[in-house]
N, C-alpha and C. Protein backbone atom coordinates (compact mmCIF):
# COMPACT_ATOMS: atom_id res chain seq x y z
N MET A 1 207.16 102.76 93.53
CA MET A 1 206.03 102.56 94.42
C MET A 1 206.40 101.44 95.76
N THR A 2 207.69 100.92 95.75
CA THR A 2 208.39 100.45 96.32
C THR A 2 207.80 100.23 98.01
N GLY A 3 206.46 99.73 98.39
CA GLY A 3 206.92 99.57 99.81
C GLY A 3 205.68 101.10 100.39
N ARG A 4 204.98 101.52 99.25
CA ARG A 4 204.44 102.22 100.10
C ARG A 4 203.22 101.88 100.67
N ALA A 5 202.21 102.93 101.62
CA ALA A 5 201.12 102.25 102.30
C ALA A 5 199.98 102.81 101.28
N VAL A 6 199.29 101.56 100.86
CA VAL A 6 197.93 102.22 100.30
C VAL A 6 196.77 101.50 101.34
N VAL A 7 195.80 102.41 101.46
CA VAL A 7 194.72 101.82 102.31
C VAL A 7 193.39 100.71 101.41
N VAL A 8 193.19 100.02 101.89
CA VAL A 8 191.96 98.88 101.09
C VAL A 8 191.18 98.95 101.70
N ALA A 9 189.93 99.52 100.86
CA ALA A 9 188.73 99.78 101.27
C ALA A 9 187.79 98.73 101.40
N THR A 10 188.33 97.53 102.37
CA THR A 10 187.20 96.48 102.71
C THR A 10 187.49 95.93 104.01
N GLY A 11 186.18 95.31 104.46
CA GLY A 11 186.63 94.68 105.73
C GLY A 11 186.53 93.41 105.62
N ASN A 12 187.01 92.82 104.76
CA ASN A 12 186.86 91.30 103.91
C ASN A 12 188.13 90.83 104.27
N ALA A 13 188.60 89.72 105.19
CA ALA A 13 189.98 89.97 105.64
C ALA A 13 190.40 88.51 104.81
N GLY A 14 189.93 88.08 103.96
CA GLY A 14 189.87 87.02 102.65
C GLY A 14 190.05 88.01 101.55
N LYS A 15 189.82 89.09 101.19
CA LYS A 15 189.48 89.66 100.34
C LYS A 15 191.17 90.32 100.46
N LEU A 16 191.51 91.22 101.47
CA LEU A 16 192.53 91.57 101.73
C LEU A 16 193.95 90.38 101.80
N ARG A 17 194.24 89.40 101.98
CA ARG A 17 194.66 88.76 102.00
C ARG A 17 195.21 87.63 100.53
N GLU A 18 193.93 88.35 99.44
CA GLU A 18 194.24 87.68 97.91
C GLU A 18 194.99 88.92 97.51
N LEU A 19 194.37 89.96 97.69
CA LEU A 19 195.09 91.01 97.41
C LEU A 19 196.40 91.15 97.77
N GLN A 20 197.15 91.41 99.11
CA GLN A 20 198.07 91.17 99.01
C GLN A 20 199.38 90.33 98.54
N ALA A 21 198.70 89.23 97.82
CA ALA A 21 199.73 87.53 97.31
C ALA A 21 199.38 88.28 95.84
N LEU A 22 198.53 88.79 95.32
CA LEU A 22 198.09 89.45 94.12
C LEU A 22 199.13 90.27 93.53
N LEU A 23 199.27 91.21 94.88
CA LEU A 23 199.88 93.05 94.51
C LEU A 23 201.38 92.74 94.49
N GLY A 24 201.87 91.67 95.51
CA GLY A 24 202.90 91.49 96.33
C GLY A 24 203.88 92.17 97.25
N ASN A 25 205.04 92.43 97.53
CA ASN A 25 205.46 93.60 98.51
C ASN A 25 206.16 94.71 98.25
N ASP A 26 205.63 95.09 96.83
CA ASP A 26 205.88 96.65 96.31
C ASP A 26 204.72 97.30 97.14
N TRP A 27 203.60 97.06 97.57
CA TRP A 27 202.79 97.73 98.22
C TRP A 27 202.65 97.30 99.93
N GLU A 28 202.25 98.02 100.53
CA GLU A 28 201.80 97.69 101.92
C GLU A 28 200.33 97.92 102.29
N LEU A 29 199.47 97.17 101.96
CA LEU A 29 198.37 97.38 102.05
C LEU A 29 197.93 97.27 103.85
N VAL A 30 196.64 97.92 103.92
CA VAL A 30 196.32 98.25 105.44
C VAL A 30 194.63 98.48 104.87
N ALA A 31 194.24 97.39 105.76
CA ALA A 31 192.66 97.38 105.90
C ALA A 31 191.93 98.80 106.47
N GLN A 32 190.91 99.29 105.51
CA GLN A 32 190.72 100.84 106.17
C GLN A 32 190.31 100.20 107.62
N GLY A 33 189.59 99.32 108.28
CA GLY A 33 189.20 99.08 109.38
C GLY A 33 190.44 99.48 110.46
N GLU A 34 191.74 98.68 110.14
CA GLU A 34 192.51 99.42 110.74
C GLU A 34 193.04 100.42 110.89
N LEU A 35 192.51 101.86 110.21
CA LEU A 35 192.79 103.21 110.36
C LEU A 35 191.33 103.63 111.18
N GLY A 36 190.60 103.03 111.35
CA GLY A 36 188.81 103.38 111.68
C GLY A 36 188.39 103.89 111.38
N ILE A 37 188.21 103.66 109.79
CA ILE A 37 187.50 103.95 108.81
C ILE A 37 186.16 102.91 108.45
N GLU A 38 185.04 103.84 108.93
CA GLU A 38 183.93 103.00 108.57
C GLU A 38 183.70 102.70 107.14
N PRO A 39 183.02 101.59 106.50
CA PRO A 39 182.63 101.20 105.21
C PRO A 39 181.44 102.57 104.80
N VAL A 40 181.84 103.04 103.72
CA VAL A 40 180.73 103.91 102.98
C VAL A 40 179.88 103.16 102.63
N ALA A 41 178.57 103.52 102.49
CA ALA A 41 177.10 102.87 102.06
C ALA A 41 177.41 102.86 100.59
N GLU A 42 177.42 101.65 100.07
CA GLU A 42 177.27 101.09 98.65
C GLU A 42 176.13 101.31 97.90
N THR A 43 175.95 102.82 97.43
CA THR A 43 174.42 102.95 96.85
C THR A 43 174.77 102.74 95.03
N GLY A 44 176.02 102.43 94.50
CA GLY A 44 176.20 102.59 93.11
C GLY A 44 175.30 101.17 92.60
N THR A 45 175.09 101.18 91.31
CA THR A 45 173.96 100.33 90.51
C THR A 45 175.06 99.29 89.94
N THR A 46 176.19 99.64 89.90
CA THR A 46 177.56 98.70 88.90
C THR A 46 178.49 98.83 89.74
N PHE A 47 179.05 97.64 89.50
CA PHE A 47 180.88 97.46 90.41
C PHE A 47 181.40 98.41 90.19
N ARG A 48 181.92 98.94 89.23
CA ARG A 48 182.55 100.07 88.66
C ARG A 48 182.28 101.42 90.16
N GLU A 49 180.99 101.73 90.12
CA GLU A 49 180.46 102.89 91.23
C GLU A 49 180.56 102.08 92.32
N ASN A 50 180.20 101.13 92.92
CA ASN A 50 180.59 101.06 94.38
C ASN A 50 182.03 100.98 94.94
N ALA A 51 183.40 100.34 93.46
CA ALA A 51 184.24 100.43 93.80
C ALA A 51 185.15 101.78 93.76
N LEU A 52 184.42 103.04 92.69
CA LEU A 52 184.75 104.14 92.80
C LEU A 52 184.58 104.83 94.54
N LEU A 53 183.23 104.93 94.81
CA LEU A 53 182.65 105.44 96.16
C LEU A 53 183.87 104.88 97.34
N LYS A 54 184.10 103.49 97.21
CA LYS A 54 184.77 102.93 98.52
C LYS A 54 186.25 103.34 98.24
N ALA A 55 187.03 103.44 97.47
CA ALA A 55 187.94 103.78 97.27
C ALA A 55 188.30 105.49 97.22
N ARG A 56 187.59 106.49 97.02
CA ARG A 56 187.54 107.50 97.03
C ARG A 56 187.23 108.11 98.47
N HIS A 57 185.99 107.53 99.46
CA HIS A 57 186.11 107.57 100.65
C HIS A 57 187.04 107.03 101.66
N ALA A 58 187.65 105.84 101.34
CA ALA A 58 189.01 105.34 102.07
C ALA A 58 190.01 106.17 101.92
N ALA A 59 189.92 106.83 100.86
CA ALA A 59 191.45 107.75 100.58
C ALA A 59 191.12 109.33 100.97
N ALA A 60 189.69 109.69 101.23
CA ALA A 60 189.64 111.34 101.81
C ALA A 60 189.71 111.42 103.24
N ILE A 61 189.48 109.67 103.59
CA ILE A 61 190.00 110.32 105.24
C ILE A 61 190.85 109.52 105.77
N SER A 62 191.44 108.95 105.23
CA SER A 62 193.17 108.65 105.24
C SER A 62 193.78 109.50 105.21
N GLY A 63 194.06 109.90 103.76
CA GLY A 63 194.71 110.79 103.21
C GLY A 63 195.89 110.12 102.42
N LEU A 64 195.45 108.82 102.46
CA LEU A 64 196.50 107.75 101.61
C LEU A 64 195.71 107.24 100.43
N PRO A 65 196.80 107.27 99.05
CA PRO A 65 196.21 106.51 98.09
C PRO A 65 194.96 105.27 98.81
N ALA A 66 194.13 104.77 97.41
CA ALA A 66 193.13 103.61 97.90
C ALA A 66 193.08 102.77 97.14
N ILE A 67 192.79 101.54 97.55
CA ILE A 67 192.11 100.24 96.58
C ILE A 67 191.14 99.89 97.04
N ALA A 68 189.90 99.52 96.08
CA ALA A 68 188.64 99.17 96.56
C ALA A 68 188.69 98.05 95.23
N ASP A 69 187.82 97.35 95.05
CA ASP A 69 187.12 96.78 94.34
C ASP A 69 185.82 96.28 94.87
N ASP A 70 185.16 96.35 93.63
CA ASP A 70 183.51 95.21 94.04
C ASP A 70 183.37 94.55 93.56
N SER A 71 182.58 93.21 93.75
CA SER A 71 182.82 92.12 92.66
C SER A 71 181.54 91.24 93.43
N GLY A 72 181.39 90.39 92.30
CA GLY A 72 179.88 89.83 93.13
C GLY A 72 179.93 88.69 91.90
N LEU A 73 178.71 88.01 91.80
CA LEU A 73 178.09 86.75 91.06
C LEU A 73 177.23 87.05 90.21
N GLU A 74 177.25 87.17 88.93
CA GLU A 74 176.27 87.05 87.98
C GLU A 74 175.37 85.63 87.56
N VAL A 75 174.59 85.41 88.21
CA VAL A 75 173.73 84.03 87.52
C VAL A 75 172.96 83.93 86.59
N ASP A 76 173.12 83.67 85.12
CA ASP A 76 172.24 83.95 84.17
C ASP A 76 170.71 83.57 84.56
N ALA A 77 170.28 82.39 84.61
CA ALA A 77 169.15 81.72 84.98
C ALA A 77 168.40 82.75 86.46
N LEU A 78 169.15 83.41 86.97
CA LEU A 78 168.56 84.41 87.81
C LEU A 78 168.57 85.85 86.99
N HIS A 79 169.06 85.94 86.37
CA HIS A 79 168.96 87.43 85.05
C HIS A 79 169.84 88.44 85.64
N GLY A 80 171.00 87.73 85.97
CA GLY A 80 172.31 88.42 86.81
C GLY A 80 172.11 88.74 88.21
N GLU A 81 171.20 87.92 88.71
CA GLU A 81 171.43 88.35 90.29
C GLU A 81 172.40 87.16 90.83
N PRO A 82 173.09 87.56 91.71
CA PRO A 82 172.77 88.72 92.94
C PRO A 82 173.23 89.87 92.40
N GLY A 83 174.22 89.82 91.51
CA GLY A 83 175.45 90.88 91.31
C GLY A 83 175.42 92.03 92.35
N VAL A 84 175.64 92.87 92.13
CA VAL A 84 176.17 94.09 93.03
C VAL A 84 175.37 93.83 94.48
N TYR A 85 174.72 92.95 94.67
CA TYR A 85 173.92 92.96 96.23
C TYR A 85 174.36 91.42 96.48
N SER A 86 175.52 91.07 95.92
CA SER A 86 175.88 89.47 96.13
C SER A 86 176.15 89.38 97.75
N ALA A 87 176.90 90.46 98.14
CA ALA A 87 177.49 90.44 99.71
C ALA A 87 176.12 90.74 100.63
N ARG A 88 175.21 91.12 100.20
CA ARG A 88 173.92 91.18 101.25
C ARG A 88 172.93 90.88 100.52
N TYR A 89 172.40 89.91 99.78
CA TYR A 89 171.94 88.74 98.81
C TYR A 89 170.72 88.62 99.93
N ALA A 90 170.86 87.76 101.01
CA ALA A 90 170.14 87.07 102.20
C ALA A 90 169.75 88.33 102.66
N GLY A 91 169.67 89.25 102.99
CA GLY A 91 169.75 90.44 103.54
C GLY A 91 170.98 90.90 104.55
N ALA A 92 170.72 92.38 104.48
CA ALA A 92 172.20 93.10 105.02
C ALA A 92 172.69 92.75 106.23
N GLU A 93 173.06 91.74 106.93
CA GLU A 93 173.33 91.10 107.48
C GLU A 93 173.74 90.15 107.93
N ALA A 94 173.57 89.55 106.06
CA ALA A 94 173.44 87.85 105.96
C ALA A 94 175.31 87.73 105.67
N ASP A 95 175.54 86.55 106.25
CA ASP A 95 176.48 86.07 106.11
C ASP A 95 176.87 84.94 104.93
N ASP A 96 177.99 84.70 104.93
CA ASP A 96 178.36 83.66 103.57
C ASP A 96 177.02 82.33 103.36
N ALA A 97 177.06 81.61 104.59
CA ALA A 97 176.30 80.25 104.41
C ALA A 97 174.53 80.89 104.15
N ALA A 98 174.20 81.88 104.96
CA ALA A 98 172.70 82.21 104.47
C ALA A 98 172.67 82.57 102.88
N ASN A 99 173.71 83.80 102.62
CA ASN A 99 173.57 83.83 101.02
C ASN A 99 174.00 82.60 99.90
N ASN A 100 174.62 81.67 100.13
CA ASN A 100 175.22 80.21 99.73
C ASN A 100 173.55 79.86 99.49
N ALA A 101 172.95 79.61 100.95
CA ALA A 101 171.70 78.84 101.11
C ALA A 101 170.88 79.41 100.39
N LYS A 102 170.18 80.72 100.04
CA LYS A 102 169.55 81.60 99.66
C LYS A 102 169.92 81.00 97.77
N LEU A 103 170.81 81.49 97.50
CA LEU A 103 171.11 81.24 95.87
C LEU A 103 170.69 79.36 95.59
N LEU A 104 171.03 78.73 96.55
CA LEU A 104 170.86 77.25 96.36
C LEU A 104 169.24 77.42 95.96
N ALA A 105 168.43 77.75 97.04
CA ALA A 105 166.88 77.58 97.08
C ALA A 105 166.21 78.66 95.82
N GLU A 106 166.97 79.79 95.40
CA GLU A 106 166.82 80.11 94.17
C GLU A 106 166.58 79.37 92.59
N MET A 107 167.80 78.57 92.66
CA MET A 107 167.96 77.69 91.56
C MET A 107 167.71 76.44 91.57
N ALA A 108 166.98 76.12 92.65
CA ALA A 108 166.48 74.55 92.85
C ALA A 108 165.88 74.60 91.83
N GLY A 109 166.06 73.07 90.81
CA GLY A 109 165.78 72.56 89.83
C GLY A 109 165.62 72.67 88.32
N ILE A 110 166.92 74.17 88.88
CA ILE A 110 167.59 74.38 87.25
C ILE A 110 168.14 73.39 86.70
N PRO A 111 168.05 72.88 85.95
CA PRO A 111 169.16 71.87 85.11
C PRO A 111 170.58 72.47 85.18
N ALA A 112 171.68 71.52 84.83
CA ALA A 112 172.91 71.98 85.21
C ALA A 112 173.26 73.04 84.06
N ILE A 113 172.51 72.70 82.48
CA ILE A 113 173.09 73.27 81.40
C ILE A 113 173.15 74.84 81.49
N LYS A 114 171.70 75.38 82.25
CA LYS A 114 171.27 76.67 82.75
C LYS A 114 171.79 77.19 83.98
N ARG A 115 172.63 76.25 84.30
CA ARG A 115 173.26 77.35 85.70
C ARG A 115 174.67 77.84 85.84
N THR A 116 174.97 78.07 83.95
CA THR A 116 176.03 79.21 83.76
C THR A 116 176.09 80.62 84.77
N ALA A 117 177.04 80.85 84.93
CA ALA A 117 176.95 82.17 85.89
C ALA A 117 178.48 82.89 85.82
N ARG A 118 179.07 83.81 86.14
CA ARG A 118 180.05 84.08 86.07
C ARG A 118 180.71 85.31 87.33
N PHE A 119 181.70 85.14 88.25
CA PHE A 119 182.27 86.32 88.81
C PHE A 119 182.78 87.63 88.19
N ARG A 120 182.12 88.84 88.41
CA ARG A 120 183.06 89.85 88.32
C ARG A 120 183.43 90.69 89.05
N CYS A 121 184.85 91.37 88.80
CA CYS A 121 185.61 92.15 89.70
C CYS A 121 185.76 93.63 88.73
N CYS A 122 185.34 94.64 89.81
CA CYS A 122 186.10 95.96 89.06
C CYS A 122 186.74 96.28 90.72
N MET A 123 188.31 96.41 89.59
CA MET A 123 189.27 97.06 90.79
C MET A 123 189.57 98.55 90.64
N VAL A 124 190.09 99.19 91.58
CA VAL A 124 190.13 100.50 91.43
C VAL A 124 191.55 101.44 92.29
N PHE A 125 192.41 102.17 91.70
CA PHE A 125 193.53 102.51 92.42
C PHE A 125 192.98 104.26 92.55
N VAL A 126 193.22 104.67 93.51
CA VAL A 126 193.07 106.47 93.34
C VAL A 126 194.50 107.08 94.38
N GLU A 127 194.71 107.74 93.49
CA GLU A 127 196.09 108.24 94.60
C GLU A 127 195.26 109.64 95.40
N SER A 128 194.58 109.91 95.49
CA SER A 128 193.55 110.74 96.90
C SER A 128 192.41 110.49 96.04
N ALA A 129 191.38 111.13 96.83
CA ALA A 129 190.22 111.02 96.72
C ALA A 129 189.51 111.94 95.64
N ASP A 130 189.93 113.03 94.71
CA ASP A 130 189.49 113.78 93.74
C ASP A 130 190.46 113.15 92.37
N ALA A 131 191.12 112.08 92.48
CA ALA A 131 191.82 111.85 91.45
C ALA A 131 191.48 111.29 90.66
N GLU A 132 191.68 110.93 89.16
CA GLU A 132 191.47 110.04 87.84
C GLU A 132 191.53 108.55 88.77
N PRO A 133 190.66 107.96 88.49
CA PRO A 133 191.34 106.35 89.06
C PRO A 133 191.87 105.60 88.07
N LEU A 134 192.84 104.31 88.52
CA LEU A 134 192.87 103.48 87.64
C LEU A 134 192.11 102.53 87.66
N VAL A 135 191.76 101.90 86.89
CA VAL A 135 190.50 101.00 86.50
C VAL A 135 190.48 99.62 85.85
N ALA A 136 190.18 98.20 86.70
CA ALA A 136 190.89 97.33 86.41
C ALA A 136 189.67 96.47 86.18
N ALA A 137 189.33 95.78 85.47
CA ALA A 137 187.85 94.56 85.25
C ALA A 137 188.14 93.54 84.50
N ALA A 138 187.46 92.46 85.25
CA ALA A 138 187.45 91.03 84.88
C ALA A 138 186.74 90.02 85.03
N SER A 139 186.37 88.85 84.65
CA SER A 139 185.68 88.31 85.21
C SER A 139 186.01 86.68 84.82
N TRP A 140 184.94 85.77 85.73
CA TRP A 140 185.87 84.54 85.58
C TRP A 140 184.34 83.49 85.73
N ASP A 141 184.30 83.05 84.11
CA ASP A 141 182.98 81.98 83.68
C ASP A 141 182.97 80.92 84.70
N GLY A 142 181.69 80.39 85.37
CA GLY A 142 181.97 78.82 85.60
C GLY A 142 180.57 78.25 85.50
N GLN A 143 180.21 77.77 86.63
CA GLN A 143 178.64 77.27 86.77
C GLN A 143 178.03 77.27 87.85
N ILE A 144 177.13 77.05 88.67
CA ILE A 144 176.29 76.80 90.08
C ILE A 144 176.28 75.57 90.37
N ALA A 145 177.12 74.97 91.51
CA ALA A 145 176.90 73.58 91.69
C ALA A 145 175.47 73.35 92.75
N THR A 146 175.06 72.05 92.86
CA THR A 146 173.84 71.99 93.59
C THR A 146 173.90 71.88 94.90
N GLU A 147 175.43 71.62 95.24
CA GLU A 147 176.11 71.67 97.01
C GLU A 147 177.01 71.96 96.59
N PRO A 148 177.25 72.64 98.36
CA PRO A 148 178.60 73.33 98.55
C PRO A 148 179.39 72.48 98.46
N ARG A 149 181.16 72.81 97.93
CA ARG A 149 182.18 72.05 98.13
C ARG A 149 183.28 72.66 98.41
N GLY A 150 184.15 72.34 99.65
CA GLY A 150 185.77 72.64 99.93
C GLY A 150 185.72 73.52 101.03
N ALA A 151 186.58 73.98 101.68
CA ALA A 151 186.76 74.56 102.85
C ALA A 151 187.58 75.88 102.61
N GLY A 152 187.80 76.23 101.65
CA GLY A 152 188.72 77.44 100.94
C GLY A 152 187.71 78.38 100.62
N GLY A 153 188.64 79.93 100.74
CA GLY A 153 187.52 80.64 99.80
C GLY A 153 187.28 81.76 101.03
N PHE A 154 186.17 82.44 100.15
CA PHE A 154 184.86 82.56 101.00
C PHE A 154 184.10 83.22 100.13
N GLY A 155 182.96 83.61 100.52
CA GLY A 155 181.28 84.21 99.62
C GLY A 155 180.49 82.96 99.06
N TYR A 156 181.17 82.69 97.30
CA TYR A 156 179.86 81.99 96.87
C TYR A 156 181.15 80.81 96.55
N ASP A 157 182.22 80.62 96.91
CA ASP A 157 183.25 79.68 96.46
C ASP A 157 182.90 78.77 96.77
N PRO A 158 182.17 77.84 97.97
CA PRO A 158 181.73 76.45 97.44
C PRO A 158 180.98 76.50 96.48
N LEU A 159 179.72 77.29 96.01
CA LEU A 159 178.85 76.70 95.19
C LEU A 159 179.10 77.03 93.90
N PHE A 160 180.77 77.91 93.36
CA PHE A 160 181.17 78.19 92.06
C PHE A 160 181.92 77.03 91.26
N ILE A 161 181.91 76.50 90.19
CA ILE A 161 182.61 75.42 90.01
C ILE A 161 183.20 75.74 88.79
N ASP A 162 184.40 75.79 89.21
CA ASP A 162 185.77 76.26 87.82
C ASP A 162 185.90 75.54 86.63
N PRO A 163 185.70 75.54 85.58
CA PRO A 163 185.14 75.04 84.59
C PRO A 163 186.66 74.45 83.92
N GLU A 164 187.90 75.12 83.97
CA GLU A 164 189.25 74.29 83.41
C GLU A 164 189.22 73.36 84.57
N SER A 165 189.12 73.19 85.83
CA SER A 165 189.79 72.36 86.86
C SER A 165 188.24 71.08 87.12
N GLY A 166 187.54 71.85 86.86
CA GLY A 166 186.04 70.84 87.24
C GLY A 166 185.81 71.02 88.72
N ARG A 167 186.72 71.79 89.37
CA ARG A 167 186.77 72.00 91.24
C ARG A 167 185.76 73.25 91.47
N HIS A 168 185.09 73.01 92.67
CA HIS A 168 184.74 74.09 93.62
C HIS A 168 185.79 75.32 93.78
N SER A 169 185.51 76.21 93.26
CA SER A 169 186.18 77.47 93.84
C SER A 169 187.04 77.43 95.17
N ALA A 170 186.17 76.71 96.13
CA ALA A 170 186.47 76.30 97.74
C ALA A 170 187.84 75.30 97.80
N GLU A 171 187.88 74.66 96.59
CA GLU A 171 188.57 73.00 96.45
C GLU A 171 190.03 73.45 96.23
N LEU A 172 190.31 74.98 95.04
CA LEU A 172 191.50 75.11 94.74
C LEU A 172 192.09 75.76 95.90
N SER A 173 193.20 75.83 95.72
CA SER A 173 194.46 76.12 96.45
C SER A 173 194.41 77.88 96.45
N ALA A 174 195.33 78.80 97.16
CA ALA A 174 194.76 80.09 97.16
C ALA A 174 195.80 80.28 95.62
N ALA A 175 196.90 79.72 95.20
CA ALA A 175 197.29 79.78 94.41
C ALA A 175 196.66 80.02 92.94
N ASP A 176 195.92 78.39 93.01
CA ASP A 176 195.36 78.20 91.71
C ASP A 176 194.16 79.15 91.69
N LYS A 177 193.45 79.74 92.85
CA LYS A 177 192.39 80.44 92.95
C LYS A 177 192.59 81.75 92.31
N ASN A 178 193.72 82.15 92.78
CA ASN A 178 194.12 83.46 92.01
C ASN A 178 194.59 83.52 90.78
N ALA A 179 195.13 82.44 89.92
CA ALA A 179 195.83 82.10 88.70
C ALA A 179 194.12 82.40 87.68
N ARG A 180 193.17 82.11 88.30
CA ARG A 180 192.40 81.94 87.49
C ARG A 180 190.90 82.46 87.86
N SER A 181 191.02 83.39 89.05
CA SER A 181 189.62 83.93 89.33
C SER A 181 189.96 85.39 88.79
N HIS A 182 188.09 86.09 88.83
CA HIS A 182 188.23 87.54 88.60
C HIS A 182 189.06 88.61 89.23
N ARG A 183 188.83 88.18 90.57
CA ARG A 183 189.82 89.08 91.42
C ARG A 183 191.31 89.08 91.29
N GLY A 184 191.92 87.47 90.88
CA GLY A 184 193.35 87.31 90.74
C GLY A 184 193.70 88.42 88.86
N GLN A 185 192.64 88.08 88.17
CA GLN A 185 192.75 88.89 86.31
C GLN A 185 193.15 90.23 86.94
N ALA A 186 192.34 91.17 87.89
CA ALA A 186 191.72 92.48 87.85
C ALA A 186 193.12 92.79 88.76
N ALA A 187 193.48 92.38 89.66
CA ALA A 187 194.48 92.66 90.49
C ALA A 187 195.51 92.92 89.58
N ARG A 188 196.27 92.04 88.68
CA ARG A 188 197.21 91.68 87.69
C ARG A 188 197.23 92.95 86.88
N LYS A 189 195.75 93.21 86.11
CA LYS A 189 195.93 94.51 85.63
C LYS A 189 196.17 95.25 85.97
N LEU A 190 195.49 95.69 87.03
CA LEU A 190 195.74 97.03 87.92
C LEU A 190 197.37 97.17 88.37
N ARG A 191 197.99 95.94 88.91
CA ARG A 191 199.25 96.08 88.99
C ARG A 191 200.10 96.40 88.12
N ASP A 192 200.08 96.14 86.68
CA ASP A 192 200.53 96.38 85.45
C ASP A 192 200.13 97.90 85.37
N LEU A 193 198.70 98.71 85.42
CA LEU A 193 198.87 100.14 85.24
C LEU A 193 199.34 100.50 86.13
N LEU A 194 200.09 99.78 87.76
CA LEU A 194 200.47 101.10 88.61
C LEU A 194 201.98 101.05 88.51
N LEU A 195 202.66 99.73 87.62
CA LEU A 195 203.90 99.86 87.47
C LEU A 195 204.02 100.62 86.20
N ARG A 196 202.94 100.77 85.67
CA ARG A 196 203.61 102.05 84.42
C ARG A 196 203.26 103.19 84.60
N GLN A 197 202.85 103.56 85.65
CA GLN A 197 202.95 105.12 86.23
C GLN A 197 204.35 105.42 87.20
N ALA A 198 204.73 104.42 87.66
CA ALA A 198 205.65 104.68 88.86
C ALA A 198 207.13 104.76 88.26
């Protein structure tokens, strides 16, 4: 599969960079926006359903194999929220800062021992829109901080504390984050599945 073009069903530049680093140069990843593909509505109720929707949509329009992931943050004290709504927690047009601000407000007064959370990721590959998908899932357990730190990453990274290092995800180098993160774990699992098919 060396050098194969694969469309990635995301408009998130941070995600695309992470995926390219994680999957290596065996695949030439192309963001769906570069091909004029509009995002599909994420109507699924699980990360897997949304990832499949996105991958099949991108494959159908582009005629290329597609990779998509759906990922989000589950906070135990908030009964698993924001979950599949992580990217739009503060509203459909919300940015990372607004989502982080809402999360901090929702968690005001919750003690450290009850601030447990995890990032989850489900990543899928489809050869074509109607092909059987390859599916890889992973999670990254940690805690939600009371204030943001770090300038790296995206999304909830400034608020998520990695228990292994004690640092916020946004303080980790790209290499360290990829080694630990939900997306890093899922991408490595997916890469193994792809290599077995090659």
